[in-house]
Amino acid sequence: MSDRPNVRVAGVAMTEWGKWGRNFATYGVDAAEAALKDAGIDWRDVQFVAGGETVRNGYGGYVAGATIARMLGWNGARVSTSYAACASGATAMESARTRILAGLCDVALVVGADTTPKGFLAPNAGDRPDDPDWLRFRLLGATNPTYFALYARRRMALYGATPEDFAQVKVKNSRHGLANPNARYRKEVTVDDVLKSPVVADPLHLLDICATSDGGAAVVLVSEDYAKKHGLGGAVRVRAISTVTPSFPNMHLDLPEFSTDSAVAVPAPEIGFKDSIAHAAYEEAGISPDDVSLAEVYDLSTALELDWYENIGLCQPGEAEKLLRDGDTALGGRVPVNPSGGLGCFGEAVPAQALAQVCEVTWQLRGEATGRQVEGATVGVTANQGLFGHGSSVLLST
């Protein structure tokens, strides 16, 4: 599978993330125009537009691809809209990559953008008793931080993790985010700052949990032939995109489910869901975790970042805390994780965040991540997860 032609990343861009309450599409258009400029490609030459959907912004949010295309100016491009919650951006990127690999287009624009409400994310209004996301709020009152706390408690019980370990993740990422001009929170914090912030869901404090944000990100993909024809030989290569789903039985709690499957009748899969996300990308690309220079992972909470170290193969189960304490995942360490500052510095702008990860890895591989550059970076991996079993991992290389 690794012998297939590579799709190239010709351009990337993000808006600054914050809380302004503008129409989501304005962030998407800003990011799209900047990504096209970065690629040196005219909007009229784009043949396919893939939008990541946001479910909080009315009709326009549900047709994100066409909404962005309309605001850029109708150019006759084919269009699609993808919804996979937090994995929406990667799912949209996969649809664009697949169309290029099929020979149906040479230039594709992928855009994700969001305007989020203040406070915890919640399902749309209305009674939906067959919707597990609605049920977990209605039956349990279980906001996302409730799940984050359960995951954190699991690490504490299995591996002896401590609240101080979780706080150290925030300390690391806040330091990384200082040099990122697009980050919403650019302030260094200490372990004491984290532990003195209010407890949201024991053992997690306010500074352990990411905020909700407004923002947009965009990626321009081109075929290998297009890249060669237009002198883009140095463009970053898309080596793999994984959008896997769980395999029954799923033995670990995952949003939005509030129960696990029994393995009495069917043996548990050899690789669990979260482990399978990056594993599928490595397998497709023919690349090992040992080859990875940096990673951008889905740090909805500080404790979840530690889980991802193990899920993407940086260490064995139970070794994440040591990896963190030894400085291996900080800038200057063996495999820096979230050199962008992660969601802890950005917050969630749901359809944009998987694309934001791709932007950061692209800048790192180009050597353009000023102030937070991972020296000698050649391979970067992202990891993300959306509600209802949407896995997401993108593997890029020079």
Protein backbone atom coordinates (compact mmCIF):
# COMPACT_ATOMS: atom_id res chain seq x y z
CA MET A 1 0.00 0.00 0.00
CA SER A 2 2.93 2.34 0.63
CA ASP A 3 3.83 2.19 -3.12
CA ARG A 4 0.77 4.19 -4.21
CA PRO A 5 1.35 7.73 -5.52
CA ASN A 6 1.49 10.34 -2.79
CA VAL A 7 -0.92 13.22 -2.48
CA ARG A 8 0.92 16.43 -1.59
CA VAL A 9 0.06 19.21 0.85
CA ALA A 10 0.52 22.34 -1.26
CA GLY A 11 -0.77 24.85 1.26
CA VAL A 12 -2.04 25.19 4.83
CA ALA A 13 -3.43 27.99 6.97
CA MET A 14 -5.26 28.66 10.19
CA THR A 15 -7.02 31.60 11.69
CA GLU A 16 -6.18 32.77 15.17
CA TRP A 17 -8.48 30.91 17.58
CA GLY A 18 -10.52 32.69 20.21
CA LYS A 19 -14.11 33.56 21.08
CA TRP A 20 -15.72 36.13 18.78
CA GLY A 21 -19.11 34.64 17.88
CA ARG A 22 -18.86 35.32 14.15
CA ASN A 23 -20.48 33.06 11.55
CA PHE A 24 -18.37 29.91 11.35
CA ALA A 25 -17.95 30.23 7.59
CA THR A 26 -16.07 33.52 7.91
CA TYR A 27 -13.29 31.70 9.76
CA GLY A 28 -13.32 28.98 7.10
CA VAL A 29 -13.07 31.47 4.25
CA ASP A 30 -10.22 33.34 5.95
CA ALA A 31 -8.32 30.07 6.38
CA ALA A 32 -9.13 28.90 2.84
CA GLU A 33 -7.92 32.10 1.20
CA ALA A 34 -4.70 32.01 3.23
CA ALA A 35 -4.09 28.33 2.40
CA LEU A 36 -4.60 28.99 -1.32
CA LYS A 37 -2.15 31.89 -1.11
CA ASP A 38 0.32 29.64 0.73
CA ALA A 39 -0.02 27.10 -2.09
CA GLY A 40 0.22 29.70 -4.85
CA ILE A 41 -3.01 28.33 -6.35
CA ASP A 42 -5.91 30.40 -7.65
CA TRP A 43 -9.36 29.62 -6.25
CA ARG A 44 -10.64 29.18 -9.80
CA ASP A 45 -8.28 26.23 -10.24
CA VAL A 46 -9.74 24.30 -7.28
CA GLN A 47 -11.72 21.30 -8.54
CA PHE A 48 -13.05 19.85 -5.29
CA VAL A 49 -14.05 21.41 -1.96
CA ALA A 50 -14.43 19.24 1.15
CA GLY A 51 -15.98 20.91 4.18
CA GLY A 52 -16.03 19.75 7.78
CA GLU A 53 -19.56 20.19 9.12
CA THR A 54 -20.53 22.02 12.30
CA VAL A 55 -23.92 21.16 13.80
CA ARG A 56 -24.38 24.35 15.78
CA ASN A 57 -24.65 26.90 13.00
CA GLY A 58 -27.96 26.27 11.27
CA TYR A 59 -28.45 25.28 7.65
CA GLY A 60 -25.09 26.65 6.55
CA GLY A 61 -23.26 24.43 9.05
CA TYR A 62 -24.84 21.29 7.65
CA VAL A 63 -23.67 22.08 4.11
CA ALA A 64 -20.21 23.32 5.03
CA GLY A 65 -18.54 22.44 1.70
CA ALA A 66 -21.04 24.34 -0.39
CA THR A 67 -21.21 27.18 2.14
CA ILE A 68 -17.47 27.79 1.84
CA ALA A 69 -17.56 27.45 -1.96
CA ARG A 70 -20.39 29.97 -2.19
CA MET A 71 -18.57 32.52 -0.06
CA LEU A 72 -15.36 32.10 -2.07
CA GLY A 73 -17.40 32.57 -5.27
CA TRP A 74 -19.02 29.74 -7.21
CA ASN A 75 -16.41 28.21 -9.50
CA GLY A 76 -18.15 24.97 -10.52
CA ALA A 77 -16.06 22.76 -8.21
CA ARG A 78 -17.39 19.44 -6.98
CA VAL A 79 -18.21 19.58 -3.29
CA SER A 80 -18.76 17.42 -0.22
CA THR A 81 -19.57 17.90 3.47
CA SER A 82 -18.38 15.53 6.21
CA TYR A 83 -19.47 15.13 9.80
CA ALA A 84 -17.45 13.04 12.22
CA ALA A 85 -17.54 15.32 15.26
CA CYS A 86 -13.94 16.09 16.29
CA ALA A 87 -12.63 13.92 13.44
CA SER A 88 -14.61 15.87 10.79
CA GLY A 89 -11.58 17.65 9.36
CA ALA A 90 -9.64 14.43 8.77
CA THR A 91 -12.71 12.73 7.30
CA ALA A 92 -13.13 15.63 4.87
CA MET A 93 -9.42 15.44 4.04
CA GLU A 94 -9.75 11.72 3.31
CA SER A 95 -12.59 12.36 0.86
CA ALA A 96 -10.41 14.91 -0.94
CA ARG A 97 -7.36 12.64 -0.96
CA THR A 98 -9.40 9.70 -2.25
CA ARG A 99 -10.79 11.78 -5.11
CA ILE A 100 -7.27 12.81 -6.11
CA LEU A 101 -5.96 9.23 -5.89
CA ALA A 102 -8.88 8.10 -8.06
CA GLY A 103 -7.71 10.50 -10.75
CA LEU A 104 -10.90 12.55 -10.59
CA CYS A 105 -9.20 15.84 -9.71
CA ASP A 106 -5.77 17.39 -9.18
CA VAL A 107 -6.49 20.23 -6.74
CA ALA A 108 -8.70 19.98 -3.65
CA LEU A 109 -9.44 22.41 -0.84
CA VAL A 110 -10.32 21.08 2.61
CA VAL A 111 -11.83 23.45 5.18
CA GLY A 112 -13.05 23.13 8.76
CA ALA A 113 -14.42 25.94 10.92
CA ASP A 114 -16.59 26.39 13.97
CA THR A 115 -18.29 28.85 16.28
CA THR A 116 -18.84 27.19 19.64
CA PRO A 117 -21.10 28.00 22.58
CA LYS A 118 -19.68 29.01 25.92
CA GLY A 119 -19.23 26.19 28.40
CA PHE A 120 -19.46 22.44 27.83
CA LEU A 121 -20.50 21.12 24.45
CA ALA A 122 -24.01 19.68 24.49
CA PRO A 123 -26.29 17.94 21.96
CA ASN A 124 -28.79 19.86 19.87
CA ALA A 125 -32.22 20.53 21.35
CA GLY A 126 -35.06 18.03 21.06
CA ASP A 127 -35.88 14.55 22.35
CA ARG A 128 -33.85 11.78 20.68
CA PRO A 129 -34.06 8.67 22.89
CA ASP A 130 -32.22 6.58 20.28
CA ASP A 131 -29.22 8.94 20.27
CA PRO A 132 -26.49 7.85 22.74
CA ASP A 133 -25.07 11.37 22.88
CA TRP A 134 -28.47 12.75 23.92
CA LEU A 135 -29.02 9.86 26.34
CA ARG A 136 -25.79 10.33 28.26
CA PHE A 137 -26.75 13.93 29.00
CA ARG A 138 -30.40 13.16 29.77
CA LEU A 139 -29.86 9.98 31.81
CA LEU A 140 -26.53 10.68 33.49
CA GLY A 141 -25.88 14.39 33.10
CA ALA A 142 -22.50 13.28 31.82
CA THR A 143 -20.76 16.21 30.13
CA ASN A 144 -17.48 15.52 28.31
CA PRO A 145 -15.35 16.30 31.40
CA THR A 146 -17.11 13.46 33.21
CA TYR A 147 -15.63 11.05 30.68
CA PHE A 148 -12.26 12.75 30.81
CA ALA A 149 -12.24 12.20 34.57
CA LEU A 150 -13.14 8.52 34.16
CA TYR A 151 -10.20 8.10 31.74
CA ALA A 152 -7.93 9.89 34.20
CA ARG A 153 -9.12 7.68 37.08
CA ARG A 154 -8.35 4.65 34.93
CA ARG A 155 -4.74 5.80 34.46
CA MET A 156 -4.41 6.39 38.18
CA ALA A 157 -5.76 2.95 39.02
CA LEU A 158 -3.77 1.04 36.40
CA TYR A 159 -0.48 2.90 36.23
CA GLY A 160 -0.20 5.06 39.32
CA ALA A 161 -0.61 8.38 37.50
CA THR A 162 -1.05 11.40 39.74
CA PRO A 163 -2.73 14.82 39.38
CA GLU A 164 0.80 16.24 39.29
CA ASP A 165 1.52 14.14 36.18
CA PHE A 166 -1.59 15.51 34.48
CA ALA A 167 -0.60 19.04 35.45
CA GLN A 168 2.85 18.55 33.92
CA VAL A 169 1.19 17.97 30.53
CA LYS A 170 -0.44 21.40 30.80
CA VAL A 171 2.87 22.96 31.86
CA LYS A 172 4.61 21.46 28.79
CA ASN A 173 1.92 22.47 26.31
CA SER A 174 1.51 25.98 27.69
CA ARG A 175 5.25 26.46 27.18
CA HIS A 176 4.99 25.18 23.60
CA GLY A 177 2.05 27.47 22.83
CA LEU A 178 3.89 30.63 23.83
CA ALA A 179 5.45 30.85 20.36
CA ASN A 180 2.32 30.01 18.38
CA PRO A 181 0.69 33.16 16.99
CA ASN A 182 -2.61 31.34 16.36
CA ALA A 183 -3.01 30.02 19.92
CA ARG A 184 -5.80 31.47 22.04
CA TYR A 185 -4.00 30.97 25.37
CA ARG A 186 -0.37 32.08 25.34
CA LYS A 187 0.58 32.07 28.99
CA GLU A 188 2.98 29.77 30.77
CA VAL A 189 1.56 27.98 33.83
CA THR A 190 3.04 25.96 36.69
CA VAL A 191 1.97 22.70 38.27
CA ASP A 192 0.79 24.71 41.25
CA ASP A 193 -1.37 26.90 38.97
CA VAL A 194 -3.08 23.81 37.58
CA LEU A 195 -3.65 22.15 40.95
CA LYS A 196 -5.03 25.35 42.47
CA SER A 197 -7.54 25.89 39.65
CA PRO A 198 -11.10 24.71 40.41
CA VAL A 199 -11.86 20.99 40.26
CA VAL A 200 -14.24 20.34 37.35
CA ALA A 201 -14.48 16.54 37.48
CA ASP A 202 -12.26 14.88 40.04
CA PRO A 203 -9.29 14.45 39.59
CA LEU A 204 -9.23 17.03 36.75
CA HIS A 205 -8.95 20.75 37.36
CA LEU A 206 -10.09 23.58 35.13
CA LEU A 207 -6.62 23.98 33.62
CA ASP A 208 -6.52 20.25 32.82
CA ILE A 209 -9.44 20.61 30.40
CA CYS A 210 -9.53 22.41 27.06
CA ALA A 211 -11.97 25.24 26.39
CA THR A 212 -14.36 25.65 23.44
CA SER A 213 -13.23 28.10 20.76
CA ASP A 214 -13.99 29.71 17.42
CA GLY A 215 -11.56 29.19 14.57
CA GLY A 216 -10.83 27.74 11.16
CA ALA A 217 -8.18 25.73 9.35
CA ALA A 218 -7.66 24.79 5.71
CA VAL A 219 -5.45 22.45 3.67
CA VAL A 220 -4.82 22.45 -0.08
CA LEU A 221 -4.09 19.00 -1.52
CA VAL A 222 -2.70 18.31 -5.00
CA SER A 223 -1.84 15.24 -7.02
CA GLU A 224 1.76 14.17 -7.47
CA ASP A 225 1.58 15.00 -11.18
CA TYR A 226 0.27 18.49 -10.42
CA ALA A 227 3.02 19.03 -7.88
CA LYS A 228 5.71 18.04 -10.39
CA LYS A 229 4.20 20.13 -13.18
CA HIS A 230 4.05 23.23 -10.98
CA GLY A 231 7.42 22.82 -9.26
CA LEU A 232 6.05 21.67 -5.88
CA GLY A 233 8.52 18.80 -5.46
CA GLY A 234 9.29 19.83 -1.89
CA ALA A 235 5.65 19.78 -0.79
CA VAL A 236 4.86 17.63 2.23
CA ARG A 237 3.56 14.16 1.38
CA VAL A 238 0.35 12.67 2.76
CA ARG A 239 1.50 9.14 3.54
CA ALA A 240 -1.71 7.87 5.13
CA ILE A 241 -5.06 8.88 6.57
CA SER A 242 -6.82 6.59 9.01
CA THR A 243 -10.55 6.90 9.74
CA VAL A 244 -11.08 3.56 11.48
CA THR A 245 -14.06 2.54 13.61
CA PRO A 246 -14.08 0.26 16.67
CA SER A 247 -14.24 -3.53 16.45
CA PHE A 248 -16.73 -5.46 18.58
CA PRO A 249 -16.36 -6.00 21.45
CA ASN A 250 -15.06 -2.59 22.52
CA MET A 251 -13.67 -3.14 26.00
CA HIS A 252 -13.00 0.48 26.95
CA LEU A 253 -15.45 3.29 27.61
CA ASP A 254 -15.58 5.74 24.70
CA LEU A 255 -17.64 8.87 24.19
CA PRO A 256 -20.63 8.93 24.03
CA GLU A 257 -21.23 5.33 25.17
CA PHE A 258 -21.66 4.71 28.88
CA SER A 259 -21.19 0.94 28.81
CA THR A 260 -18.70 -1.50 27.31
CA ASP A 261 -19.24 -4.67 25.28
CA SER A 262 -19.03 -8.15 26.75
CA ALA A 263 -16.30 -10.48 25.46
CA VAL A 264 -18.09 -13.61 26.67
CA ALA A 265 -19.24 -14.70 23.21
CA VAL A 266 -16.73 -12.91 20.97
CA PRO A 267 -13.03 -12.51 21.86
CA ALA A 268 -11.74 -8.97 22.28
CA PRO A 269 -9.91 -7.64 19.19
CA GLU A 270 -6.15 -7.92 19.15
CA ILE A 271 -5.86 -4.12 18.88
CA GLY A 272 -8.24 -1.85 20.76
CA PHE A 273 -10.01 1.05 19.07
CA LYS A 274 -7.74 3.93 20.08
CA ASP A 275 -4.62 1.86 19.42
CA SER A 276 -5.97 0.96 15.97
CA ILE A 277 -6.31 4.59 14.86
CA ALA A 278 -2.62 5.35 14.35
CA HIS A 279 -1.77 1.69 13.75
CA ALA A 280 -3.83 1.74 10.56
CA ALA A 281 -1.98 4.84 9.35
CA TYR A 282 1.44 3.32 10.10
CA GLU A 283 0.44 0.12 8.30
CA GLU A 284 -0.82 1.98 5.23
CA ALA A 285 2.32 4.12 4.98
CA GLY A 286 4.82 1.40 5.82
CA ILE A 287 6.18 3.64 8.58
CA SER A 288 6.97 2.69 12.19
CA PRO A 289 6.31 4.74 15.33
CA ASP A 290 10.09 4.72 15.73
CA ASP A 291 10.31 6.90 12.60
CA VAL A 292 8.07 9.66 14.01
CA SER A 293 9.69 13.04 14.65
CA LEU A 294 6.68 14.69 16.30
CA ALA A 295 3.01 14.16 17.07
CA GLU A 296 -0.07 16.33 17.41
CA VAL A 297 -2.63 14.56 19.59
CA TYR A 298 -6.12 15.22 20.88
CA ASP A 299 -5.57 16.63 24.38
CA LEU A 300 -9.16 17.29 25.40
CA SER A 301 -7.73 16.74 28.85
CA THR A 302 -4.17 16.49 30.09
CA ALA A 303 -4.72 12.88 31.12
CA LEU A 304 -5.93 11.97 27.63
CA GLU A 305 -2.63 13.17 26.16
CA LEU A 306 -0.84 10.54 28.24
CA ASP A 307 -3.16 7.86 26.85
CA TRP A 308 -2.30 8.96 23.31
CA TYR A 309 1.44 8.46 23.89
CA GLU A 310 0.66 4.78 24.24
CA ASN A 311 -2.08 4.67 21.59
CA ILE A 312 0.21 6.02 18.86
CA GLY A 313 3.07 3.72 19.81
CA LEU A 314 5.53 6.11 21.45
CA CYS A 315 5.77 3.81 24.47
CA GLN A 316 4.23 0.74 26.04
CA PRO A 317 1.10 0.90 28.24
CA GLY A 318 1.94 2.38 31.62
CA GLU A 319 5.09 4.16 30.40
CA ALA A 320 3.55 7.49 29.37
CA GLU A 321 4.22 9.20 32.69
CA LYS A 322 7.91 8.31 32.52
CA LEU A 323 8.09 9.59 28.94
CA LEU A 324 6.65 12.89 30.13
CA ARG A 325 8.80 13.18 33.24
CA ASP A 326 11.97 12.44 31.25
CA GLY A 327 11.19 15.32 28.89
CA ASP A 328 10.92 13.05 25.83
CA THR A 329 7.67 14.67 24.67
CA ALA A 330 8.78 18.28 25.18
CA LEU A 331 10.51 20.40 22.57
CA GLY A 332 14.09 19.21 22.45
CA GLY A 333 13.02 15.72 23.55
CA ARG A 334 12.93 12.46 21.60
CA VAL A 335 9.41 12.89 20.15
CA PRO A 336 7.83 16.27 20.93
CA VAL A 337 4.06 15.99 21.34
CA ASN A 338 1.79 18.98 20.69
CA PRO A 339 4.53 21.45 19.80
CA SER A 340 1.65 23.70 18.68
CA GLY A 341 0.45 23.90 22.29
CA GLY A 342 -2.40 21.48 21.62
CA LEU A 343 -6.05 21.98 22.43
CA GLY A 344 -5.02 23.17 25.86
CA CYS A 345 -3.74 26.34 24.17
CA PHE A 346 -6.33 26.48 21.39
CA GLY A 347 -9.60 25.03 22.66
CA GLU A 348 -12.05 23.02 20.57
CA ALA A 349 -13.27 24.35 17.23
CA VAL A 350 -14.63 20.96 16.34
CA PRO A 351 -14.49 20.58 12.51
CA ALA A 352 -11.23 22.53 12.36
CA GLN A 353 -9.06 20.77 14.92
CA ALA A 354 -7.96 17.71 12.93
CA LEU A 355 -6.97 20.09 10.10
CA ALA A 356 -5.20 22.37 12.57
CA GLN A 357 -3.07 19.38 13.52
CA VAL A 358 -2.19 18.86 9.85
CA CYS A 359 -1.26 22.54 9.55
CA GLU A 360 1.13 22.30 12.48
CA VAL A 361 2.80 19.11 11.26
CA THR A 362 3.18 20.63 7.79
CA TRP A 363 4.86 23.74 9.18
CA GLN A 364 7.14 21.55 11.28
CA LEU A 365 8.16 19.41 8.30
CA ARG A 366 8.82 22.55 6.25
CA GLY A 367 10.93 23.99 9.05
CA GLU A 368 8.56 26.95 9.40
CA ALA A 369 7.38 26.56 13.02
CA THR A 370 9.24 29.59 14.32
CA GLY A 371 9.93 29.46 18.04
CA ARG A 372 8.67 25.90 18.43
CA GLN A 373 10.50 24.08 15.65
CA VAL A 374 11.30 20.40 16.06
CA GLU A 375 14.80 20.15 14.65
CA GLY A 376 15.26 17.74 11.76
CA ALA A 377 11.57 16.79 11.59
CA THR A 378 10.84 14.38 8.72
CA VAL A 379 7.72 12.44 9.84
CA GLY A 380 4.72 13.68 11.79
CA VAL A 381 1.58 11.91 12.94
CA THR A 382 -1.75 13.26 14.20
CA ALA A 383 -4.32 11.52 16.37
CA ASN A 384 -7.90 12.55 16.95
CA GLN A 385 -11.20 10.94 17.86
CA GLY A 386 -14.80 11.91 17.22
CA LEU A 387 -18.04 10.81 18.83
CA PHE A 388 -19.69 7.59 17.64
CA GLY A 389 -16.47 5.75 16.81
CA HIS A 390 -14.73 8.10 14.41
CA GLY A 391 -10.99 7.51 14.52
CA SER A 392 -8.64 9.99 12.87
CA SER A 393 -4.93 9.91 12.16
CA VAL A 394 -2.94 11.63 9.41
CA LEU A 395 0.65 10.66 8.66
CA LEU A 396 2.81 13.21 6.83
CA SER A 397 6.43 13.15 5.74
CA THR A 398 8.96 15.21 3.82
